[in-house]
Amino acid sequence: MANAAALIFLVAALLCHMRTGDAQRSCGKSDIIFTVRKTGNVVGGQPEYVVAIRTSCSCPMKDVRVWCGGLEDSAVPLDASKVEVDDGMCVLKQPVAKGSPVIFTYSCEVPVNFRVFNAAPDC
């Protein structure tokens, strides 16, 4: 009888774990993904790039701050409704949601090496 009770408990625990699955997985800065590519345009003698910042998390990511040294020298004005640069740190003005990347262009001699400093799930 004790073995049957233990088996039922284990099955129930397994089913509970399977049911919650990814919902228990915490999202974080490792879920932020950058795609940078040349647009083919040249602005102020510098190549123009487009960056898309995405998340693989099912929850929107807020308070996204990204190291983006060199971006403050962009020959293309940055879209102030999307990003603000403060001493080598980009602060996104809107959450990054799965399927709705934050996209903007910039112009620099070399592509910026974006790295996430902070991101928090909003769910």
C-alpha atoms as a PDB file:
ATOM      1  CA  MET A   1       0.000   0.000   0.000  1.00  0.00           C
ATOM      2  CA  ALA A   2       2.866   2.395   0.835  1.00  0.00           C
ATOM      3  CA  ASN A   3       4.424   1.723  -2.582  1.00  0.00           C
ATOM      4  CA  ALA A   4       1.139   2.580  -4.335  1.00  0.00           C
ATOM      5  CA  ALA A   5       0.840   5.852  -2.392  1.00  0.00           C
ATOM      6  CA  ALA A   6       4.426   6.769  -3.234  1.00  0.00           C
ATOM      7  CA  LEU A   7       3.817   5.975  -6.912  1.00  0.00           C
ATOM      8  CA  ILE A   8       0.680   8.139  -6.981  1.00  0.00           C
ATOM      9  CA  PHE A   9       2.594  11.006  -5.340  1.00  0.00           C
ATOM     10  CA  LEU A  10       5.424  10.755  -7.894  1.00  0.00           C
ATOM     11  CA  VAL A  11       3.005  10.685 -10.836  1.00  0.00           C
ATOM     12  CA  ALA A  12       1.119  13.699  -9.452  1.00  0.00           C
ATOM     13  CA  ALA A  13       4.372  15.614  -8.967  1.00  0.00           C
ATOM     14  CA  LEU A  14       5.491  14.767 -12.509  1.00  0.00           C
ATOM     15  CA  LEU A  15       2.172  15.885 -13.991  1.00  0.00           C
ATOM     16  CA  CYS A  16       2.297  19.137 -12.033  1.00  0.00           C
ATOM     17  CA  HIS A  17       5.824  19.832 -13.303  1.00  0.00           C
ATOM     18  CA  MET A  18       4.863  19.019 -16.900  1.00  0.00           C
ATOM     19  CA  ARG A  19       1.823  21.282 -16.689  1.00  0.00           C
ATOM     20  CA  THR A  20       3.727  24.349 -15.476  1.00  0.00           C
ATOM     21  CA  GLY A  21       6.759  23.690 -17.693  1.00  0.00           C
ATOM     22  CA  ASP A  22       8.141  26.913 -19.182  1.00  0.00           C
ATOM     23  CA  ALA A  23       5.931  29.138 -17.034  1.00  0.00           C
ATOM     24  CA  GLN A  24       8.338  28.576 -14.148  1.00  0.00           C
ATOM     25  CA  ARG A  25      11.381  29.454 -16.257  1.00  0.00           C
ATOM     26  CA  SER A  26      12.573  32.913 -15.392  1.00  0.00           C
ATOM     27  CA  CYS A  27      13.377  35.304 -18.201  1.00  0.00           C
ATOM     28  CA  GLY A  28      16.372  37.592 -18.014  1.00  0.00           C
ATOM     29  CA  LYS A  29      19.021  39.445 -19.917  1.00  0.00           C
ATOM     30  CA  SER A  30      20.197  36.261 -21.643  1.00  0.00           C
ATOM     31  CA  ASP A  31      16.859  36.288 -23.519  1.00  0.00           C
ATOM     32  CA  ILE A  32      17.743  39.525 -25.348  1.00  0.00           C
ATOM     33  CA  ILE A  33      18.991  38.981 -28.916  1.00  0.00           C
ATOM     34  CA  PHE A  34      20.665  41.519 -31.223  1.00  0.00           C
ATOM     35  CA  THR A  35      20.726  41.486 -35.007  1.00  0.00           C
ATOM     36  CA  VAL A  36      22.927  44.103 -36.688  1.00  0.00           C
ATOM     37  CA  ARG A  37      23.292  44.467 -40.450  1.00  0.00           C
ATOM     38  CA  LYS A  38      24.458  47.059 -42.951  1.00  0.00           C
ATOM     39  CA  THR A  39      21.670  48.877 -44.791  1.00  0.00           C
ATOM     40  CA  GLY A  40      23.873  49.693 -47.800  1.00  0.00           C
ATOM     41  CA  ASN A  41      23.532  53.438 -47.170  1.00  0.00           C
ATOM     42  CA  VAL A  42      26.417  55.753 -46.278  1.00  0.00           C
ATOM     43  CA  VAL A  43      25.733  58.745 -44.015  1.00  0.00           C
ATOM     44  CA  GLY A  44      28.391  61.331 -43.245  1.00  0.00           C
ATOM     45  CA  GLY A  45      30.983  59.037 -44.816  1.00  0.00           C
ATOM     46  CA  GLN A  46      30.059  56.202 -42.451  1.00  0.00           C
ATOM     47  CA  PRO A  47      28.144  52.998 -43.233  1.00  0.00           C
ATOM     48  CA  GLU A  48      24.616  52.844 -41.874  1.00  0.00           C
ATOM     49  CA  TYR A  49      23.480  49.880 -39.784  1.00  0.00           C
ATOM     50  CA  VAL A  50      20.091  48.706 -38.615  1.00  0.00           C
ATOM     51  CA  VAL A  51      19.816  46.953 -35.261  1.00  0.00           C
ATOM     52  CA  ALA A  52      16.875  44.845 -34.137  1.00  0.00           C
ATOM     53  CA  ILE A  53      16.624  44.029 -30.447  1.00  0.00           C
ATOM     54  CA  ARG A  54      14.432  40.998 -29.763  1.00  0.00           C
ATOM     55  CA  THR A  55      13.524  38.683 -26.934  1.00  0.00           C
ATOM     56  CA  SER A  56      12.965  34.949 -26.900  1.00  0.00           C
ATOM     57  CA  CYS A  57      10.986  35.322 -23.664  1.00  0.00           C
ATOM     58  CA  SER A  58       7.197  34.996 -23.741  1.00  0.00           C
ATOM     59  CA  CYS A  59       7.003  37.994 -21.369  1.00  0.00           C
ATOM     60  CA  PRO A  60       7.858  41.512 -22.533  1.00  0.00           C
ATOM     61  CA  MET A  61      11.233  42.698 -21.253  1.00  0.00           C
ATOM     62  CA  LYS A  62      11.347  46.136 -19.611  1.00  0.00           C
ATOM     63  CA  ASP A  63      14.103  48.336 -18.203  1.00  0.00           C
ATOM     64  CA  VAL A  64      16.416  47.168 -20.996  1.00  0.00           C
ATOM     65  CA  ARG A  65      19.849  48.792 -20.784  1.00  0.00           C
ATOM     66  CA  VAL A  66      22.551  47.903 -23.275  1.00  0.00           C
ATOM     67  CA  TRP A  67      26.260  48.712 -23.515  1.00  0.00           C
ATOM     68  CA  CYS A  68      26.582  50.511 -26.853  1.00  0.00           C
ATOM     69  CA  GLY A  69      29.869  52.432 -26.773  1.00  0.00           C
ATOM     70  CA  GLY A  70      30.449  54.476 -29.932  1.00  0.00           C
ATOM     71  CA  LEU A  71      26.766  54.915 -30.716  1.00  0.00           C
ATOM     72  CA  GLU A  72      26.782  58.466 -29.354  1.00  0.00           C
ATOM     73  CA  ASP A  73      28.965  59.394 -32.379  1.00  0.00           C
ATOM     74  CA  SER A  74      26.396  58.153 -34.908  1.00  0.00           C
ATOM     75  CA  ALA A  75      26.052  60.327 -38.008  1.00  0.00           C
ATOM     76  CA  VAL A  76      22.372  59.280 -38.079  1.00  0.00           C
ATOM     77  CA  PRO A  77      20.226  60.824 -35.347  1.00  0.00           C
ATOM     78  CA  LEU A  78      18.841  58.042 -33.157  1.00  0.00           C
ATOM     79  CA  ASP A  79      15.080  57.651 -32.801  1.00  0.00           C
ATOM     80  CA  ALA A  80      14.544  59.300 -29.405  1.00  0.00           C
ATOM     81  CA  SER A  81      11.205  57.499 -28.980  1.00  0.00           C
ATOM     82  CA  LYS A  82      13.063  54.164 -28.989  1.00  0.00           C
ATOM     83  CA  VAL A  83      16.529  54.691 -27.524  1.00  0.00           C
ATOM     84  CA  GLU A  84      18.525  57.183 -25.503  1.00  0.00           C
ATOM     85  CA  VAL A  85      22.320  57.062 -25.210  1.00  0.00           C
ATOM     86  CA  ASP A  86      23.933  58.063 -21.940  1.00  0.00           C
ATOM     87  CA  ASP A  87      27.711  57.686 -21.598  1.00  0.00           C
ATOM     88  CA  GLY A  88      28.008  54.494 -23.648  1.00  0.00           C
ATOM     89  CA  MET A  89      24.781  52.985 -22.301  1.00  0.00           C
ATOM     90  CA  CYS A  90      21.643  52.677 -24.430  1.00  0.00           C
ATOM     91  CA  VAL A  91      18.372  52.889 -22.541  1.00  0.00           C
ATOM     92  CA  LEU A  92      15.424  51.491 -24.476  1.00  0.00           C
ATOM     93  CA  LYS A  93      12.329  53.680 -24.147  1.00  0.00           C
ATOM     94  CA  GLN A  94       9.901  50.827 -24.761  1.00  0.00           C
ATOM     95  CA  PRO A  95       9.657  47.184 -23.707  1.00  0.00           C
ATOM     96  CA  VAL A  96      10.997  44.472 -26.007  1.00  0.00           C
ATOM     97  CA  ALA A  97       8.223  41.953 -26.674  1.00  0.00           C
ATOM     98  CA  LYS A  98       8.414  38.630 -28.462  1.00  0.00           C
ATOM     99  CA  GLY A  99       7.464  39.290 -32.089  1.00  0.00           C
ATOM    100  CA  SER A 100       7.819  43.088 -31.642  1.00  0.00           C
ATOM    101  CA  PRO A 101      11.510  43.985 -31.769  1.00  0.00           C
ATOM    102  CA  VAL A 102      12.863  47.458 -31.100  1.00  0.00           C
ATOM    103  CA  ILE A 103      14.481  48.541 -34.382  1.00  0.00           C
ATOM    104  CA  PHE A 104      16.588  51.623 -35.107  1.00  0.00           C
ATOM    105  CA  THR A 105      19.403  52.746 -37.410  1.00  0.00           C
ATOM    106  CA  TYR A 106      22.776  54.300 -36.706  1.00  0.00           C
ATOM    107  CA  SER A 107      25.915  55.147 -38.648  1.00  0.00           C
ATOM    108  CA  CYS A 108      29.434  54.344 -37.405  1.00  0.00           C
ATOM    109  CA  GLU A 109      32.763  53.303 -38.889  1.00  0.00           C
ATOM    110  CA  VAL A 110      32.368  49.807 -37.407  1.00  0.00           C
ATOM    111  CA  PRO A 111      29.302  47.992 -36.061  1.00  0.00           C
ATOM    112  CA  VAL A 112      28.603  48.579 -32.389  1.00  0.00           C
ATOM    113  CA  ASN A 113      29.166  45.608 -30.079  1.00  0.00           C
ATOM    114  CA  PHE A 114      25.851  45.585 -28.197  1.00  0.00           C
ATOM    115  CA  ARG A 115      25.822  43.785 -24.819  1.00  0.00           C
ATOM    116  CA  VAL A 116      22.947  43.597 -22.375  1.00  0.00           C
ATOM    117  CA  PHE A 117      23.511  45.242 -19.012  1.00  0.00           C
ATOM    118  CA  ASN A 118      19.976  44.902 -17.628  1.00  0.00           C
ATOM    119  CA  ALA A 119      16.574  43.519 -18.629  1.00  0.00           C
ATOM    120  CA  ALA A 120      13.598  42.498 -16.494  1.00  0.00           C
ATOM    121  CA  PRO A 121      10.550  40.416 -17.431  1.00  0.00           C
ATOM    122  CA  ASP A 122       7.203  42.195 -17.181  1.00  0.00           C
ATOM    123  CA  CYS A 123       4.666  39.439 -16.590  1.00  0.00           C
END
